Full PDB file with SEQRES, HELIX, SHEET, SSBOND, CRYST1, ORIGX, SCALE, CONECT and MASTER records, all heavy atoms in Angstrom:
SEQRES   1 A   31  MET VAL LYS GLN GLY GLY GLY GLY ARG ILE LEU CYS LEU          
SEQRES   2 A   31  SER SER VAL HIS GLY TYR ARG ALA TRP PRO ALA ASP THR          
SEQRES   3 A   31  ALA TYR GLY ILE CYS                                          
HELIX    1 AA1 VAL A   16  GLY A   18  5                                   3    
HELIX    2 AA2 THR A   26  ILE A   30  1                                   5    
CRYST1    1.000    1.000    1.000  90.00  90.00  90.00 P 1           1          
ORIGX1      1.000000  0.000000  0.000000        0.00000                         
ORIGX2      0.000000  1.000000  0.000000        0.00000                         
ORIGX3      0.000000  0.000000  1.000000        0.00000                         
SCALE1      1.000000  0.000000  0.000000        0.00000                         
SCALE2      0.000000  1.000000  0.000000        0.00000                         
SCALE3      0.000000  0.000000  1.000000        0.00000                         
ATOM      1  N   MET A   1       3.729   9.391 -16.578  1.00  0.00           N  
ATOM      2  CA  MET A   1       4.672   8.443 -17.163  1.00  0.00           C  
ATOM      3  C   MET A   1       4.227   8.023 -18.563  1.00  0.00           C  
ATOM      4  O   MET A   1       5.043   7.904 -19.470  1.00  0.00           O  
ATOM      5  CB  MET A   1       4.831   7.226 -16.251  1.00  0.00           C  
ATOM      6  CG  MET A   1       5.534   7.518 -14.949  1.00  0.00           C  
ATOM      7  SD  MET A   1       5.482   6.066 -13.863  1.00  0.00           S  
ATOM      8  CE  MET A   1       5.932   6.803 -12.299  1.00  0.00           C  
ATOM      9  N   VAL A   2       2.929   7.797 -18.726  1.00  0.00           N  
ATOM     10  CA  VAL A   2       2.393   7.438 -20.043  1.00  0.00           C  
ATOM     11  C   VAL A   2       2.626   8.583 -21.032  1.00  0.00           C  
ATOM     12  O   VAL A   2       3.057   8.361 -22.166  1.00  0.00           O  
ATOM     13  CB  VAL A   2       0.901   7.050 -19.952  1.00  0.00           C  
ATOM     14  CG1 VAL A   2       0.263   6.950 -21.331  1.00  0.00           C  
ATOM     15  CG2 VAL A   2       0.746   5.730 -19.199  1.00  0.00           C  
ATOM     16  N   LYS A   3       2.380   9.832 -20.606  1.00  0.00           N  
ATOM     17  CA  LYS A   3       2.623  10.998 -21.475  1.00  0.00           C  
ATOM     18  C   LYS A   3       4.082  11.078 -21.911  1.00  0.00           C  
ATOM     19  O   LYS A   3       4.385  11.577 -22.982  1.00  0.00           O  
ATOM     20  CB  LYS A   3       2.252  12.301 -20.745  1.00  0.00           C  
ATOM     21  CG  LYS A   3       0.788  12.574 -20.631  1.00  0.00           C  
ATOM     22  CD  LYS A   3       0.595  13.930 -19.942  1.00  0.00           C  
ATOM     23  CE  LYS A   3      -0.795  14.101 -19.417  1.00  0.00           C  
ATOM     24  NZ  LYS A   3      -0.939  15.342 -18.631  1.00  0.00           N  
ATOM     25  N   GLN A   4       4.986  10.619 -21.057  1.00  0.00           N  
ATOM     26  CA  GLN A   4       6.416  10.643 -21.347  1.00  0.00           C  
ATOM     27  C   GLN A   4       6.836   9.497 -22.262  1.00  0.00           C  
ATOM     28  O   GLN A   4       7.996   9.395 -22.620  1.00  0.00           O  
ATOM     29  CB  GLN A   4       7.225  10.568 -20.036  1.00  0.00           C  
ATOM     30  CG  GLN A   4       7.039  11.735 -19.138  1.00  0.00           C  
ATOM     31  CD  GLN A   4       7.595  11.527 -17.737  1.00  0.00           C  
ATOM     32  OE1 GLN A   4       7.535  12.438 -16.963  1.00  0.00           O  
ATOM     33  NE2 GLN A   4       8.110  10.359 -17.376  1.00  0.00           N  
ATOM     34  N   GLY A   5       5.912   8.613 -22.598  1.00  0.00           N  
ATOM     35  CA  GLY A   5       6.232   7.487 -23.463  1.00  0.00           C  
ATOM     36  C   GLY A   5       6.164   6.132 -22.786  1.00  0.00           C  
ATOM     37  O   GLY A   5       6.457   5.114 -23.390  1.00  0.00           O  
ATOM     38  N   GLY A   6       5.787   6.111 -21.541  1.00  0.00           N  
ATOM     39  CA  GLY A   6       5.629   4.848 -20.817  1.00  0.00           C  
ATOM     40  C   GLY A   6       6.870   4.490 -20.028  1.00  0.00           C  
ATOM     41  O   GLY A   6       7.910   5.134 -20.124  1.00  0.00           O  
ATOM     42  N   GLY A   7       6.729   3.460 -19.253  1.00  0.00           N  
ATOM     43  CA  GLY A   7       7.800   3.029 -18.365  1.00  0.00           C  
ATOM     44  C   GLY A   7       7.778   3.834 -17.082  1.00  0.00           C  
ATOM     45  O   GLY A   7       7.323   4.975 -17.054  1.00  0.00           O  
ATOM     46  N   GLY A   8       8.240   3.230 -16.031  1.00  0.00           N  
ATOM     47  CA  GLY A   8       8.297   3.886 -14.731  1.00  0.00           C  
ATOM     48  C   GLY A   8       7.943   2.911 -13.627  1.00  0.00           C  
ATOM     49  O   GLY A   8       7.635   1.737 -13.889  1.00  0.00           O  
ATOM     50  N   ARG A   9       8.005   3.402 -12.423  1.00  0.00           N  
ATOM     51  CA  ARG A   9       7.764   2.559 -11.250  1.00  0.00           C  
ATOM     52  C   ARG A   9       6.863   3.275 -10.269  1.00  0.00           C  
ATOM     53  O   ARG A   9       7.028   4.470 -10.007  1.00  0.00           O  
ATOM     54  CB  ARG A   9       9.074   2.238 -10.525  1.00  0.00           C  
ATOM     55  CG  ARG A   9      10.159   1.639 -11.387  1.00  0.00           C  
ATOM     56  CD  ARG A   9       9.811   0.229 -11.821  1.00  0.00           C  
ATOM     57  NE  ARG A   9      10.838  -0.350 -12.663  1.00  0.00           N  
ATOM     58  CZ  ARG A   9      10.774  -0.409 -13.992  1.00  0.00           C  
ATOM     59  NH1 ARG A   9       9.744   0.098 -14.642  1.00  0.00           N  
ATOM     60  NH2 ARG A   9      11.734  -0.979 -14.681  1.00  0.00           N  
ATOM     61  N   ILE A  10       5.933   2.527  -9.701  1.00  0.00           N  
ATOM     62  CA  ILE A  10       5.103   3.023  -8.604  1.00  0.00           C  
ATOM     63  C   ILE A  10       5.291   2.057  -7.442  1.00  0.00           C  
ATOM     64  O   ILE A  10       5.057   0.853  -7.581  1.00  0.00           O  
ATOM     65  CB  ILE A  10       3.618   3.119  -9.001  1.00  0.00           C  
ATOM     66  CG1 ILE A  10       3.458   4.093 -10.170  1.00  0.00           C  
ATOM     67  CG2 ILE A  10       2.779   3.546  -7.796  1.00  0.00           C  
ATOM     68  CD1 ILE A  10       2.057   4.161 -10.728  1.00  0.00           C  
ATOM     69  N   LEU A  11       5.728   2.601  -6.327  1.00  0.00           N  
ATOM     70  CA  LEU A  11       5.992   1.801  -5.129  1.00  0.00           C  
ATOM     71  C   LEU A  11       5.084   2.285  -4.012  1.00  0.00           C  
ATOM     72  O   LEU A  11       5.024   3.481  -3.727  1.00  0.00           O  
ATOM     73  CB  LEU A  11       7.449   1.960  -4.696  1.00  0.00           C  
ATOM     74  CG  LEU A  11       8.498   1.723  -5.774  1.00  0.00           C  
ATOM     75  CD1 LEU A  11       9.881   2.107  -5.271  1.00  0.00           C  
ATOM     76  CD2 LEU A  11       8.468   0.281  -6.238  1.00  0.00           C  
ATOM     77  N   CYS A  12       4.377   1.365  -3.387  1.00  0.00           N  
ATOM     78  CA  CYS A  12       3.472   1.688  -2.285  1.00  0.00           C  
ATOM     79  C   CYS A  12       3.877   0.866  -1.074  1.00  0.00           C  
ATOM     80  O   CYS A  12       3.934  -0.366  -1.146  1.00  0.00           O  
ATOM     81  CB  CYS A  12       2.020   1.372  -2.671  1.00  0.00           C  
ATOM     82  SG  CYS A  12       1.404   2.325  -4.059  1.00  0.00           S  
ATOM     83  N   LEU A  13       4.162   1.535   0.021  1.00  0.00           N  
ATOM     84  CA  LEU A  13       4.562   0.831   1.229  1.00  0.00           C  
ATOM     85  C   LEU A  13       3.338   0.386   2.000  1.00  0.00           C  
ATOM     86  O   LEU A  13       2.468   1.186   2.323  1.00  0.00           O  
ATOM     87  CB  LEU A  13       5.462   1.702   2.091  1.00  0.00           C  
ATOM     88  CG  LEU A  13       6.927   1.641   1.645  1.00  0.00           C  
ATOM     89  CD1 LEU A  13       7.135   2.349   0.332  1.00  0.00           C  
ATOM     90  CD2 LEU A  13       7.835   2.121   2.716  1.00  0.00           C  
ATOM     91  N   SER A  14       3.303  -0.897   2.296  1.00  0.00           N  
ATOM     92  CA  SER A  14       2.221  -1.466   3.073  1.00  0.00           C  
ATOM     93  C   SER A  14       2.777  -1.857   4.434  1.00  0.00           C  
ATOM     94  O   SER A  14       3.734  -1.249   4.917  1.00  0.00           O  
ATOM     95  CB  SER A  14       1.600  -2.664   2.334  1.00  0.00           C  
ATOM     96  OG  SER A  14       0.466  -3.121   3.040  1.00  0.00           O  
ATOM     97  N   SER A  15       2.208  -2.871   5.026  1.00  0.00           N  
ATOM     98  CA  SER A  15       2.603  -3.260   6.377  1.00  0.00           C  
ATOM     99  C   SER A  15       2.083  -4.656   6.672  1.00  0.00           C  
ATOM    100  O   SER A  15       1.101  -5.110   6.079  1.00  0.00           O  
ATOM    101  CB  SER A  15       2.003  -2.266   7.376  1.00  0.00           C  
ATOM    102  OG  SER A  15       2.101  -2.747   8.691  1.00  0.00           O  
ATOM    103  N   VAL A  16       2.716  -5.304   7.615  1.00  0.00           N  
ATOM    104  CA  VAL A  16       2.231  -6.588   8.099  1.00  0.00           C  
ATOM    105  C   VAL A  16       0.819  -6.447   8.671  1.00  0.00           C  
ATOM    106  O   VAL A  16       0.062  -7.410   8.744  1.00  0.00           O  
ATOM    107  CB  VAL A  16       3.216  -7.200   9.126  1.00  0.00           C  
ATOM    108  CG1 VAL A  16       3.251  -6.377  10.399  1.00  0.00           C  
ATOM    109  CG2 VAL A  16       2.896  -8.648   9.413  1.00  0.00           C  
ATOM    110  N   HIS A  17       0.431  -5.216   9.005  1.00  0.00           N  
ATOM    111  CA  HIS A  17      -0.916  -4.969   9.529  1.00  0.00           C  
ATOM    112  C   HIS A  17      -1.992  -5.289   8.490  1.00  0.00           C  
ATOM    113  O   HIS A  17      -3.148  -5.474   8.843  1.00  0.00           O  
ATOM    114  CB  HIS A  17      -1.062  -3.518  10.002  1.00  0.00           C  
ATOM    115  CG  HIS A  17      -0.280  -3.229  11.234  1.00  0.00           C  
ATOM    116  ND1 HIS A  17      -0.863  -3.082  12.465  1.00  0.00           N  
ATOM    117  CD2 HIS A  17       1.051  -3.076  11.427  1.00  0.00           C  
ATOM    118  CE1 HIS A  17       0.071  -2.848  13.371  1.00  0.00           C  
ATOM    119  NE2 HIS A  17       1.236  -2.832  12.763  1.00  0.00           N  
ATOM    120  N   GLY A  18      -1.622  -5.371   7.222  1.00  0.00           N  
ATOM    121  CA  GLY A  18      -2.565  -5.752   6.182  1.00  0.00           C  
ATOM    122  C   GLY A  18      -2.836  -7.245   6.150  1.00  0.00           C  
ATOM    123  O   GLY A  18      -3.761  -7.704   5.473  1.00  0.00           O  
ATOM    124  N   TYR A  19      -2.032  -8.013   6.873  1.00  0.00           N  
ATOM    125  CA  TYR A  19      -2.173  -9.471   6.888  1.00  0.00           C  
ATOM    126  C   TYR A  19      -2.794  -9.996   8.174  1.00  0.00           C  
ATOM    127  O   TYR A  19      -3.419 -11.042   8.166  1.00  0.00           O  
ATOM    128  CB  TYR A  19      -0.802 -10.147   6.732  1.00  0.00           C  
ATOM    129  CG  TYR A  19      -0.177  -9.954   5.395  1.00  0.00           C  
ATOM    130  CD1 TYR A  19       0.825  -9.020   5.203  1.00  0.00           C  
ATOM    131  CD2 TYR A  19      -0.580 -10.712   4.297  1.00  0.00           C  
ATOM    132  CE1 TYR A  19       1.421  -8.844   3.969  1.00  0.00           C  
ATOM    133  CE2 TYR A  19       0.004 -10.535   3.060  1.00  0.00           C  
ATOM    134  CZ  TYR A  19       1.001  -9.609   2.906  1.00  0.00           C  
ATOM    135  OH  TYR A  19       1.584  -9.428   1.679  1.00  0.00           O  
ATOM    136  N   ARG A  20      -2.541  -9.311   9.284  1.00  0.00           N  
ATOM    137  CA  ARG A  20      -3.066  -9.793  10.559  1.00  0.00           C  
ATOM    138  C   ARG A  20      -3.552  -8.634  11.396  1.00  0.00           C  
ATOM    139  O   ARG A  20      -3.232  -7.493  11.113  1.00  0.00           O  
ATOM    140  CB  ARG A  20      -2.040 -10.631  11.307  1.00  0.00           C  
ATOM    141  CG  ARG A  20      -0.806  -9.882  11.760  1.00  0.00           C  
ATOM    142  CD  ARG A  20      -0.017 -10.669  12.762  1.00  0.00           C  
ATOM    143  NE  ARG A  20      -0.729 -10.656  14.033  1.00  0.00           N  
ATOM    144  CZ  ARG A  20      -0.138 -10.749  15.199  1.00  0.00           C  
ATOM    145  NH1 ARG A  20       1.153 -10.890  15.281  1.00  0.00           N  
ATOM    146  NH2 ARG A  20      -0.841 -10.716  16.312  1.00  0.00           N  
ATOM    147  N   ALA A  21      -4.316  -8.932  12.418  1.00  0.00           N  
ATOM    148  CA  ALA A  21      -4.942  -7.894  13.233  1.00  0.00           C  
ATOM    149  C   ALA A  21      -4.284  -7.781  14.600  1.00  0.00           C  
ATOM    150  O   ALA A  21      -3.849  -8.777  15.182  1.00  0.00           O  
ATOM    151  CB  ALA A  21      -6.423  -8.199  13.403  1.00  0.00           C  
ATOM    152  N   TRP A  22      -4.238  -6.549  15.085  1.00  0.00           N  
ATOM    153  CA  TRP A  22      -3.801  -6.222  16.433  1.00  0.00           C  
ATOM    154  C   TRP A  22      -4.905  -5.395  17.080  1.00  0.00           C  
ATOM    155  O   TRP A  22      -5.761  -4.849  16.376  1.00  0.00           O  
ATOM    156  CB  TRP A  22      -2.510  -5.396  16.405  1.00  0.00           C  
ATOM    157  CG  TRP A  22      -1.270  -6.195  16.219  1.00  0.00           C  
ATOM    158  CD1 TRP A  22      -0.518  -6.772  17.196  1.00  0.00           C  
ATOM    159  CD2 TRP A  22      -0.619  -6.504  14.983  1.00  0.00           C  
ATOM    160  NE1 TRP A  22       0.562  -7.427  16.643  1.00  0.00           N  
ATOM    161  CE2 TRP A  22       0.523  -7.274  15.279  1.00  0.00           C  
ATOM    162  CE3 TRP A  22      -0.885  -6.217  13.647  1.00  0.00           C  
ATOM    163  CZ2 TRP A  22       1.392  -7.747  14.312  1.00  0.00           C  
ATOM    164  CZ3 TRP A  22      -0.020  -6.694  12.681  1.00  0.00           C  
ATOM    165  CH2 TRP A  22       1.091  -7.444  13.013  1.00  0.00           C  
ATOM    166  N   PRO A  23      -4.881  -5.227  18.389  1.00  0.00           N  
ATOM    167  CA  PRO A  23      -5.868  -4.358  19.024  1.00  0.00           C  
ATOM    168  C   PRO A  23      -5.776  -2.924  18.479  1.00  0.00           C  
ATOM    169  O   PRO A  23      -4.680  -2.438  18.181  1.00  0.00           O  
ATOM    170  CB  PRO A  23      -5.482  -4.399  20.510  1.00  0.00           C  
ATOM    171  CG  PRO A  23      -4.766  -5.712  20.673  1.00  0.00           C  
ATOM    172  CD  PRO A  23      -4.024  -5.912  19.368  1.00  0.00           C  
ATOM    173  N   ALA A  24      -6.910  -2.275  18.350  1.00  0.00           N  
ATOM    174  CA  ALA A  24      -7.005  -0.880  17.904  1.00  0.00           C  
ATOM    175  C   ALA A  24      -6.368  -0.663  16.539  1.00  0.00           C  
ATOM    176  O   ALA A  24      -5.767   0.362  16.265  1.00  0.00           O  
ATOM    177  CB  ALA A  24      -6.394   0.057  18.947  1.00  0.00           C  
ATOM    178  N   ASP A  25      -6.530  -1.644  15.648  1.00  0.00           N  
ATOM    179  CA  ASP A  25      -5.816  -1.689  14.366  1.00  0.00           C  
ATOM    180  C   ASP A  25      -6.760  -1.714  13.163  1.00  0.00           C  
ATOM    181  O   ASP A  25      -6.304  -1.804  12.035  1.00  0.00           O  
ATOM    182  CB  ASP A  25      -4.952  -2.963  14.389  1.00  0.00           C  
ATOM    183  CG  ASP A  25      -4.170  -3.207  13.143  1.00  0.00           C  
ATOM    184  OD1 ASP A  25      -3.367  -2.340  12.774  1.00  0.00           O  
ATOM    185  OD2 ASP A  25      -4.359  -4.280  12.547  1.00  0.00           O  
ATOM    186  N   THR A  26      -8.048  -1.628  13.376  1.00  0.00           N  
ATOM    187  CA  THR A  26      -9.014  -1.869  12.307  1.00  0.00           C  
ATOM    188  C   THR A  26      -8.795  -0.980  11.087  1.00  0.00           C  
ATOM    189  O   THR A  26      -8.609  -1.470   9.978  1.00  0.00           O  
ATOM    190  CB  THR A  26     -10.452  -1.694  12.824  1.00  0.00           C  
ATOM    191  OG1 THR A  26     -10.663  -2.605  13.902  1.00  0.00           O  
ATOM    192  CG2 THR A  26     -11.468  -1.959  11.734  1.00  0.00           C  
ATOM    193  N   ALA A  27      -8.836   0.325  11.246  1.00  0.00           N  
ATOM    194  CA  ALA A  27      -8.760   1.236  10.097  1.00  0.00           C  
ATOM    195  C   ALA A  27      -7.410   1.117   9.392  1.00  0.00           C  
ATOM    196  O   ALA A  27      -7.351   1.014   8.167  1.00  0.00           O  
ATOM    197  CB  ALA A  27      -9.018   2.673  10.536  1.00  0.00           C  
ATOM    198  N   TYR A  28      -6.331   1.121  10.152  1.00  0.00           N  
ATOM    199  CA  TYR A  28      -4.994   1.022   9.563  1.00  0.00           C  
ATOM    200  C   TYR A  28      -4.822  -0.307   8.835  1.00  0.00           C  
ATOM    201  O   TYR A  28      -4.344  -0.352   7.694  1.00  0.00           O  
ATOM    202  CB  TYR A  28      -3.934   1.190  10.650  1.00  0.00           C  
ATOM    203  CG  TYR A  28      -2.522   1.148  10.141  1.00  0.00           C  
ATOM    204  CD1 TYR A  28      -1.998   2.220   9.437  1.00  0.00           C  
ATOM    205  CD2 TYR A  28      -1.700   0.043  10.379  1.00  0.00           C  
ATOM    206  CE1 TYR A  28      -0.690   2.198   8.974  1.00  0.00           C  
ATOM    207  CE2 TYR A  28      -0.400   0.004   9.922  1.00  0.00           C  
ATOM    208  CZ  TYR A  28       0.101   1.086   9.221  1.00  0.00           C  
ATOM    209  OH  TYR A  28       1.406   1.055   8.764  1.00  0.00           O  
ATOM    210  N   GLY A  29      -5.218  -1.400   9.475  1.00  0.00           N  
ATOM    211  CA  GLY A  29      -5.088  -2.719   8.867  1.00  0.00           C  
ATOM    212  C   GLY A  29      -5.900  -2.855   7.590  1.00  0.00           C  
ATOM    213  O   GLY A  29      -5.436  -3.418   6.593  1.00  0.00           O  
ATOM    214  N   ILE A  30      -7.103  -2.330   7.584  1.00  0.00           N  
ATOM    215  CA  ILE A  30      -7.938  -2.384   6.379  1.00  0.00           C  
ATOM    216  C   ILE A  30      -7.290  -1.578   5.259  1.00  0.00           C  
ATOM    217  O   ILE A  30      -7.281  -2.001   4.105  1.00  0.00           O  
ATOM    218  CB  ILE A  30      -9.363  -1.902   6.687  1.00  0.00           C  
ATOM    219  CG1 ILE A  30     -10.094  -2.987   7.474  1.00  0.00           C  
ATOM    220  CG2 ILE A  30     -10.123  -1.534   5.422  1.00  0.00           C  
ATOM    221  CD1 ILE A  30     -11.428  -2.576   8.018  1.00  0.00           C  
ATOM    222  N   CYS A  31      -6.744  -0.420   5.585  1.00  0.00           N  
ATOM    223  CA  CYS A  31      -6.064   0.380   4.565  1.00  0.00           C  
ATOM    224  C   CYS A  31      -4.894  -0.376   3.960  1.00  0.00           C  
ATOM    225  O   CYS A  31      -4.712  -0.384   2.737  1.00  0.00           O  
ATOM    226  CB  CYS A  31      -5.579   1.698   5.156  1.00  0.00           C  
ATOM    227  SG  CYS A  31      -6.914   2.864   5.461  1.00  0.00           S  
TER     228      CYS A  31                                                      
MASTER        0    0    0    2    0    0    0    6  227    1    0    3          
END                                                                             
């Protein structure tokens, strides 16, 4: 995008798992 002159969008989908913990959720939640 910078090579093209700048501007653009980067969207990354996260999850509620990044805010709270569930059983067997450690690696996914940390990510």
